[in-house]
């Protein structure tokens, strides 16, 4: 489930996520803890074991983007036909930094910084460990 919170106070976002986590069988909720989501991630992870606090480092973003590309190539993910989401997916650019490290990012616009792309990528990631083949297709539905 992909839910957008544009112009919604942080307290309301947290309250909404708490309701979802209390009612729905959510296996994993990834929350960015490296920016303004730090407080939200900390609060939710303290009370809900399925909340995973994520650090948006270049290394993590490279792993997530690469894993997502593989899912798309294998046709293991079904995305909604939503122009904004597709545009954000295509807005991600891979750059090699002067240090030789790789960076995956998008230009910042008035609609964000490819936030929906990163939300879908996080939702599609699997726990690291033994390869689990045949786990089924991943579907994404946009709400709001």
N, C-alpha and C. Protein backbone atom coordinates (compact mmCIF):
# COMPACT_ATOMS: atom_id res chain seq x y z
N UNK A 1 0.86 -1.17 0.00
CA UNK A 1 0.00 0.00 0.00
C UNK A 1 0.90 1.23 0.00
N UNK A 2 0.63 2.13 -0.88
CA UNK A 2 1.38 3.38 -0.96
C UNK A 2 0.42 4.51 -0.65
N UNK A 3 0.67 5.19 0.45
CA UNK A 3 -0.21 6.28 0.90
C UNK A 3 0.63 7.54 0.99
N UNK A 4 0.18 8.61 0.35
CA UNK A 4 0.91 9.88 0.37
C UNK A 4 0.37 10.79 1.45
N UNK A 5 1.28 11.46 2.13
CA UNK A 5 0.92 12.45 3.15
C UNK A 5 1.53 13.78 2.73
N UNK A 6 0.79 14.56 1.96
CA UNK A 6 1.29 15.86 1.51
C UNK A 6 0.63 16.95 2.32
N UNK A 7 1.45 17.72 3.03
CA UNK A 7 0.93 18.81 3.84
C UNK A 7 0.20 18.36 5.09
N UNK A 8 0.42 17.12 5.51
CA UNK A 8 -0.23 16.57 6.70
C UNK A 8 0.75 16.69 7.87
N UNK A 9 0.31 17.26 9.00
CA UNK A 9 1.21 17.37 10.16
C UNK A 9 1.76 16.01 10.58
N UNK A 10 3.00 16.02 11.09
CA UNK A 10 3.66 14.78 11.48
C UNK A 10 2.85 13.97 12.49
N UNK A 11 2.22 14.64 13.43
CA UNK A 11 1.43 13.93 14.45
C UNK A 11 0.28 13.15 13.80
N UNK A 12 -0.36 13.73 12.79
CA UNK A 12 -1.45 13.04 12.09
C UNK A 12 -0.92 11.86 11.29
N UNK A 13 0.26 12.02 10.68
CA UNK A 13 0.87 10.92 9.94
C UNK A 13 1.14 9.75 10.88
N UNK A 14 1.73 10.06 12.02
CA UNK A 14 2.04 9.00 12.98
C UNK A 14 0.77 8.32 13.48
N UNK A 15 -0.27 9.10 13.79
CA UNK A 15 -1.53 8.53 14.26
C UNK A 15 -2.13 7.60 13.21
N UNK A 16 -2.09 8.01 11.95
CA UNK A 16 -2.63 7.18 10.87
C UNK A 16 -1.84 5.87 10.75
N UNK A 17 -0.52 5.96 10.79
CA UNK A 17 0.30 4.75 10.69
C UNK A 17 0.10 3.83 11.89
N UNK A 18 -0.09 4.40 13.08
CA UNK A 18 -0.37 3.59 14.26
C UNK A 18 -1.68 2.82 14.10
N UNK A 19 -2.70 3.49 13.56
CA UNK A 19 -3.98 2.80 13.31
C UNK A 19 -3.80 1.65 12.34
N UNK A 20 -3.07 1.90 11.23
CA UNK A 20 -2.84 0.85 10.24
C UNK A 20 -2.09 -0.33 10.85
N UNK A 21 -1.04 -0.04 11.59
CA UNK A 21 -0.22 -1.10 12.20
C UNK A 21 -1.00 -1.89 13.25
N UNK A 22 -1.97 -1.25 13.86
CA UNK A 22 -2.78 -1.92 14.89
C UNK A 22 -3.87 -2.79 14.29
N UNK A 23 -4.33 -2.45 13.07
CA UNK A 23 -5.47 -3.13 12.48
C UNK A 23 -5.08 -4.11 11.37
N UNK A 24 -4.16 -3.70 10.50
CA UNK A 24 -3.81 -4.53 9.34
C UNK A 24 -2.65 -5.47 9.67
N UNK A 25 -2.58 -6.61 8.99
CA UNK A 25 -1.46 -7.54 9.22
C UNK A 25 -0.22 -7.09 8.44
N UNK A 26 0.38 -6.01 8.85
CA UNK A 26 1.56 -5.45 8.18
C UNK A 26 2.78 -6.27 8.60
N UNK A 27 3.46 -6.87 7.62
CA UNK A 27 4.65 -7.67 7.92
C UNK A 27 5.87 -6.79 8.12
N UNK A 28 5.93 -5.68 7.39
CA UNK A 28 7.09 -4.80 7.46
C UNK A 28 6.68 -3.40 7.04
N UNK A 29 7.12 -2.41 7.80
CA UNK A 29 6.95 -1.01 7.44
C UNK A 29 8.31 -0.34 7.56
N UNK A 30 8.88 0.06 6.44
CA UNK A 30 10.18 0.72 6.43
C UNK A 30 9.97 2.21 6.53
N UNK A 31 10.73 2.85 7.44
CA UNK A 31 10.63 4.29 7.65
C UNK A 31 12.03 4.89 7.58
N UNK A 32 12.18 5.95 6.80
CA UNK A 32 13.47 6.63 6.66
C UNK A 32 13.82 7.31 7.98
N UNK A 33 14.94 6.91 8.55
CA UNK A 33 15.35 7.52 9.80
C UNK A 33 16.53 8.47 9.63
N UNK A 34 16.91 8.72 8.38
CA UNK A 34 18.09 9.55 8.15
C UNK A 34 17.75 11.01 7.88
N UNK A 35 16.50 11.36 7.95
CA UNK A 35 16.11 12.74 7.69
C UNK A 35 15.00 13.17 8.62
N UNK A 36 14.01 13.84 8.03
CA UNK A 36 12.91 14.35 8.86
C UNK A 36 12.03 13.23 9.42
N UNK A 37 12.20 12.01 8.91
CA UNK A 37 11.44 10.89 9.42
C UNK A 37 12.04 10.25 10.65
N UNK A 38 13.14 10.81 11.15
CA UNK A 38 13.85 10.21 12.28
C UNK A 38 12.95 10.01 13.49
N UNK A 39 12.20 11.03 13.85
CA UNK A 39 11.33 10.95 15.03
C UNK A 39 10.21 9.94 14.80
N UNK A 40 9.62 9.96 13.62
CA UNK A 40 8.55 9.02 13.28
C UNK A 40 9.07 7.58 13.34
N UNK A 41 10.23 7.34 12.75
CA UNK A 41 10.81 6.00 12.75
C UNK A 41 11.08 5.51 14.17
N UNK A 42 11.65 6.39 14.97
CA UNK A 42 11.98 6.03 16.36
C UNK A 42 10.72 5.71 17.16
N UNK A 43 9.70 6.55 17.05
CA UNK A 43 8.46 6.34 17.80
C UNK A 43 7.75 5.05 17.39
N UNK A 44 7.64 4.80 16.09
CA UNK A 44 6.93 3.61 15.63
C UNK A 44 7.71 2.33 15.91
N UNK A 45 9.03 2.36 15.71
CA UNK A 45 9.84 1.16 15.96
C UNK A 45 9.82 0.76 17.43
N UNK A 46 9.69 1.72 18.30
CA UNK A 46 9.65 1.43 19.74
C UNK A 46 8.40 0.61 20.08
N UNK A 47 7.28 0.87 19.40
CA UNK A 47 6.01 0.23 19.76
C UNK A 47 5.58 -0.90 18.83
N UNK A 48 6.18 -0.98 17.63
CA UNK A 48 5.77 -2.00 16.65
C UNK A 48 7.00 -2.72 16.11
N UNK A 49 7.14 -4.02 16.40
CA UNK A 49 8.34 -4.74 15.96
C UNK A 49 8.49 -4.86 14.46
N UNK A 50 7.41 -4.70 13.70
CA UNK A 50 7.49 -4.82 12.24
C UNK A 50 7.98 -3.54 11.57
N UNK A 51 8.21 -2.50 12.35
CA UNK A 51 8.73 -1.24 11.79
C UNK A 51 10.25 -1.33 11.74
N UNK A 52 10.79 -1.07 10.56
CA UNK A 52 12.23 -1.12 10.35
C UNK A 52 12.72 0.30 10.03
N UNK A 53 13.67 0.77 10.83
CA UNK A 53 14.24 2.09 10.60
C UNK A 53 15.33 1.96 9.54
N UNK A 54 15.20 2.72 8.45
CA UNK A 54 16.13 2.61 7.32
C UNK A 54 17.02 3.84 7.22
N UNK A 55 18.31 3.61 6.94
CA UNK A 55 19.25 4.69 6.67
C UNK A 55 19.41 4.84 5.16
N UNK A 56 19.13 6.00 4.65
CA UNK A 56 19.23 6.25 3.23
C UNK A 56 20.66 6.64 2.86
N UNK A 57 21.55 5.67 2.89
CA UNK A 57 22.94 5.89 2.49
C UNK A 57 23.05 5.58 0.99
N UNK A 58 24.14 6.02 0.37
CA UNK A 58 24.34 5.69 -1.05
C UNK A 58 24.40 4.19 -1.26
N UNK A 59 25.03 3.47 -0.34
CA UNK A 59 25.15 2.02 -0.46
C UNK A 59 23.78 1.35 -0.38
N UNK A 60 22.96 1.79 0.58
CA UNK A 60 21.62 1.20 0.73
C UNK A 60 20.76 1.51 -0.49
N UNK A 61 20.81 2.75 -0.96
CA UNK A 61 20.00 3.12 -2.13
C UNK A 61 20.44 2.36 -3.38
N UNK A 62 21.73 2.11 -3.51
CA UNK A 62 22.21 1.32 -4.65
C UNK A 62 21.66 -0.10 -4.58
N UNK A 63 21.71 -0.71 -3.39
CA UNK A 63 21.20 -2.07 -3.21
C UNK A 63 19.70 -2.13 -3.50
N UNK A 64 18.94 -1.16 -2.93
CA UNK A 64 17.49 -1.17 -3.12
C UNK A 64 17.12 -0.97 -4.59
N UNK A 65 17.78 0.00 -5.25
CA UNK A 65 17.46 0.28 -6.65
C UNK A 65 17.82 -0.91 -7.54
N UNK A 66 18.94 -1.55 -7.26
CA UNK A 66 19.36 -2.71 -8.06
C UNK A 66 18.40 -3.87 -7.86
N UNK A 67 18.04 -4.15 -6.61
CA UNK A 67 17.08 -5.23 -6.33
C UNK A 67 15.74 -4.96 -7.02
N UNK A 68 15.31 -3.69 -6.99
CA UNK A 68 14.04 -3.33 -7.62
C UNK A 68 14.11 -3.53 -9.13
N UNK A 69 15.22 -3.14 -9.73
CA UNK A 69 15.38 -3.32 -11.18
C UNK A 69 15.28 -4.80 -11.54
N UNK A 70 15.90 -5.65 -10.72
CA UNK A 70 15.83 -7.10 -10.97
C UNK A 70 14.39 -7.59 -10.88
N UNK A 71 13.65 -7.11 -9.87
CA UNK A 71 12.24 -7.49 -9.76
C UNK A 71 11.45 -7.07 -10.99
N UNK A 72 11.71 -5.86 -11.49
CA UNK A 72 11.02 -5.40 -12.69
C UNK A 72 11.38 -6.25 -13.90
N UNK A 73 12.67 -6.56 -14.05
CA UNK A 73 13.11 -7.37 -15.19
C UNK A 73 12.52 -8.77 -15.16
N UNK A 74 12.36 -9.31 -13.97
CA UNK A 74 11.76 -10.66 -13.83
C UNK A 74 10.24 -10.61 -13.90
N UNK A 75 9.70 -9.40 -13.93
CA UNK A 75 8.24 -9.19 -13.91
C UNK A 75 7.61 -9.76 -12.64
N UNK A 76 8.34 -9.59 -11.54
CA UNK A 76 7.88 -10.05 -10.23
C UNK A 76 7.19 -8.95 -9.44
N UNK A 77 7.01 -7.80 -10.04
CA UNK A 77 6.32 -6.70 -9.37
C UNK A 77 5.29 -6.13 -10.33
N UNK A 78 4.12 -5.85 -9.80
CA UNK A 78 3.05 -5.25 -10.59
C UNK A 78 2.80 -3.85 -10.04
N UNK A 79 2.95 -2.87 -10.90
CA UNK A 79 2.78 -1.48 -10.48
C UNK A 79 1.49 -0.92 -11.06
N UNK A 80 0.89 0.02 -10.33
CA UNK A 80 -0.31 0.66 -10.88
C UNK A 80 0.07 1.57 -12.04
N UNK A 81 -0.85 1.79 -12.93
CA UNK A 81 -0.62 2.70 -14.05
C UNK A 81 -0.91 4.12 -13.57
N UNK A 82 0.06 4.67 -12.91
CA UNK A 82 -0.07 6.01 -12.35
C UNK A 82 1.09 6.84 -12.90
N UNK A 83 0.74 7.87 -13.65
CA UNK A 83 1.73 8.69 -14.36
C UNK A 83 2.81 9.23 -13.42
N UNK A 84 2.41 9.74 -12.25
CA UNK A 84 3.38 10.32 -11.34
C UNK A 84 4.38 9.28 -10.84
N UNK A 85 3.92 8.09 -10.49
CA UNK A 85 4.81 7.04 -10.02
C UNK A 85 5.78 6.62 -11.12
N UNK A 86 5.27 6.41 -12.32
CA UNK A 86 6.12 6.02 -13.44
C UNK A 86 7.16 7.11 -13.71
N UNK A 87 6.73 8.37 -13.65
CA UNK A 87 7.66 9.48 -13.84
C UNK A 87 8.76 9.49 -12.79
N UNK A 88 8.41 9.19 -11.56
CA UNK A 88 9.42 9.16 -10.49
C UNK A 88 10.39 8.00 -10.68
N UNK A 89 9.89 6.87 -11.14
CA UNK A 89 10.78 5.73 -11.40
C UNK A 89 11.80 6.11 -12.46
N UNK A 90 11.33 6.77 -13.51
CA UNK A 90 12.24 7.16 -14.59
C UNK A 90 13.12 8.35 -14.22
N UNK A 91 12.80 9.06 -13.15
CA UNK A 91 13.59 10.23 -12.76
C UNK A 91 14.87 9.85 -12.01
N UNK A 92 14.95 8.61 -11.53
CA UNK A 92 16.12 8.17 -10.78
C UNK A 92 17.31 8.02 -11.73
N UNK A 93 18.39 8.65 -11.36
CA UNK A 93 19.60 8.60 -12.18
C UNK A 93 20.74 7.98 -11.38
N UNK A 94 21.51 7.17 -12.05
CA UNK A 94 22.71 6.56 -11.46
C UNK A 94 23.90 7.42 -11.87
N UNK A 95 24.64 7.90 -10.87
CA UNK A 95 25.83 8.71 -11.13
C UNK A 95 27.01 8.10 -10.38
N UNK A 96 28.16 8.22 -11.00
CA UNK A 96 29.39 7.83 -10.32
C UNK A 96 30.00 9.11 -9.75
N UNK A 97 30.21 9.11 -8.45
CA UNK A 97 30.75 10.28 -7.77
C UNK A 97 32.26 10.37 -7.97
N UNK A 98 32.85 11.54 -7.74
CA UNK A 98 34.32 11.68 -7.88
C UNK A 98 35.10 10.66 -7.03
N UNK A 99 34.50 10.22 -5.93
CA UNK A 99 35.15 9.23 -5.07
C UNK A 99 35.13 7.84 -5.68
N UNK A 100 34.36 7.67 -6.76
CA UNK A 100 34.21 6.36 -7.38
C UNK A 100 32.99 5.60 -6.90
N UNK A 101 32.34 6.11 -5.86
CA UNK A 101 31.13 5.48 -5.35
C UNK A 101 29.94 5.83 -6.26
N UNK A 102 28.90 5.03 -6.16
CA UNK A 102 27.72 5.21 -7.00
C UNK A 102 26.62 5.90 -6.20
N UNK A 103 25.89 6.77 -6.86
CA UNK A 103 24.78 7.49 -6.24
C UNK A 103 23.53 7.30 -7.10
N UNK A 104 22.42 7.00 -6.45
CA UNK A 104 21.12 6.93 -7.13
C UNK A 104 20.26 8.04 -6.55
N UNK A 105 19.82 8.95 -7.40
CA UNK A 105 19.00 10.05 -6.91
C UNK A 105 18.23 10.69 -8.04
N UNK A 106 17.34 11.61 -7.67
CA UNK A 106 16.53 12.34 -8.63
C UNK A 106 16.59 13.83 -8.30
N UNK A 107 16.32 14.64 -9.29
CA UNK A 107 16.24 16.08 -9.05
C UNK A 107 15.08 16.37 -8.12
N UNK A 108 15.26 17.32 -7.22
CA UNK A 108 14.18 17.73 -6.32
C UNK A 108 13.21 18.61 -7.10
N UNK A 109 11.92 18.31 -6.97
CA UNK A 109 10.87 19.11 -7.61
C UNK A 109 9.90 19.60 -6.54
N UNK A 110 8.89 20.33 -6.97
CA UNK A 110 7.88 20.79 -6.01
C UNK A 110 7.05 19.62 -5.48
N UNK A 111 7.12 18.45 -6.11
CA UNK A 111 6.39 17.25 -5.67
C UNK A 111 7.27 16.32 -4.83
N UNK A 112 8.54 16.70 -4.61
CA UNK A 112 9.38 15.86 -3.77
C UNK A 112 10.67 15.48 -4.44
N UNK A 113 11.22 14.37 -4.00
CA UNK A 113 12.54 13.91 -4.40
C UNK A 113 12.46 12.44 -4.77
N UNK A 114 11.49 12.10 -5.64
CA UNK A 114 11.20 10.71 -6.02
C UNK A 114 10.78 9.89 -4.81
N UNK A 115 10.03 10.51 -3.91
CA UNK A 115 9.62 9.85 -2.67
C UNK A 115 8.79 8.60 -2.92
N UNK A 116 7.90 8.63 -3.91
CA UNK A 116 7.08 7.45 -4.18
C UNK A 116 7.94 6.31 -4.72
N UNK A 117 8.93 6.64 -5.53
CA UNK A 117 9.86 5.61 -6.01
C UNK A 117 10.52 4.91 -4.83
N UNK A 118 11.08 5.69 -3.90
CA UNK A 118 11.78 5.09 -2.77
C UNK A 118 10.81 4.31 -1.88
N UNK A 119 9.57 4.78 -1.75
CA UNK A 119 8.59 4.04 -0.95
C UNK A 119 8.31 2.67 -1.57
N UNK A 120 8.14 2.62 -2.89
CA UNK A 120 7.88 1.35 -3.56
C UNK A 120 9.11 0.44 -3.47
N UNK A 121 10.29 1.01 -3.66
CA UNK A 121 11.52 0.22 -3.57
C UNK A 121 11.66 -0.40 -2.19
N UNK A 122 11.38 0.38 -1.15
CA UNK A 122 11.46 -0.16 0.22
C UNK A 122 10.40 -1.25 0.44
N UNK A 123 9.22 -1.04 -0.10
CA UNK A 123 8.15 -2.04 0.07
C UNK A 123 8.49 -3.35 -0.63
N UNK A 124 9.28 -3.28 -1.68
CA UNK A 124 9.61 -4.47 -2.46
C UNK A 124 10.85 -5.20 -1.96
N UNK A 125 11.59 -4.60 -1.05
CA UNK A 125 12.81 -5.26 -0.61
C UNK A 125 12.50 -6.47 0.25
N UNK A 126 13.42 -7.39 0.23
CA UNK A 126 13.30 -8.59 1.04
C UNK A 126 14.39 -8.56 2.10
N UNK A 127 14.14 -9.29 3.15
CA UNK A 127 15.17 -9.41 4.18
C UNK A 127 16.40 -10.06 3.56
N UNK A 128 17.56 -9.61 3.94
CA UNK A 128 18.80 -10.20 3.44
C UNK A 128 18.99 -11.57 4.07
N UNK A 129 19.52 -12.47 3.32
CA UNK A 129 19.77 -13.81 3.81
C UNK A 129 19.68 -14.79 2.66
N UNK A 130 19.37 -16.07 2.95
CA UNK A 130 19.28 -17.07 1.88
C UNK A 130 18.28 -16.65 0.81
N UNK A 131 18.64 -16.89 -0.42
CA UNK A 131 17.78 -16.56 -1.56
C UNK A 131 16.48 -17.34 -1.45
N UNK A 132 15.37 -16.63 -1.55
CA UNK A 132 14.06 -17.28 -1.48
C UNK A 132 13.39 -17.15 -2.83
N UNK A 133 13.52 -18.16 -3.65
CA UNK A 133 12.92 -18.16 -4.97
C UNK A 133 11.46 -18.56 -4.86
N UNK A 134 10.68 -18.10 -5.81
CA UNK A 134 9.29 -18.51 -5.87
C UNK A 134 8.43 -17.96 -4.74
N UNK A 135 8.77 -16.79 -4.24
CA UNK A 135 7.98 -16.21 -3.14
C UNK A 135 6.74 -15.49 -3.65
N UNK A 136 6.57 -15.44 -4.97
CA UNK A 136 5.35 -14.85 -5.50
C UNK A 136 5.57 -13.44 -5.99
N UNK A 137 4.53 -12.96 -6.61
CA UNK A 137 4.56 -11.62 -7.20
C UNK A 137 4.28 -10.57 -6.14
N UNK A 138 4.87 -9.41 -6.32
CA UNK A 138 4.63 -8.29 -5.41
C UNK A 138 3.71 -7.32 -6.11
N UNK A 139 2.63 -6.93 -5.47
CA UNK A 139 1.70 -5.97 -6.04
C UNK A 139 1.74 -4.68 -5.26
N UNK A 140 1.62 -3.57 -5.94
CA UNK A 140 1.60 -2.27 -5.30
C UNK A 140 0.31 -1.58 -5.67
N UNK A 141 -0.37 -1.04 -4.67
CA UNK A 141 -1.60 -0.30 -4.90
C UNK A 141 -1.45 1.06 -4.26
N UNK A 142 -1.80 2.10 -5.01
CA UNK A 142 -1.67 3.48 -4.51
C UNK A 142 -2.99 3.90 -3.90
N UNK A 143 -2.91 4.45 -2.67
CA UNK A 143 -4.09 4.94 -1.97
C UNK A 143 -3.85 6.40 -1.65
N UNK A 144 -4.77 7.26 -2.01
CA UNK A 144 -4.65 8.67 -1.67
C UNK A 144 -3.79 9.46 -2.60
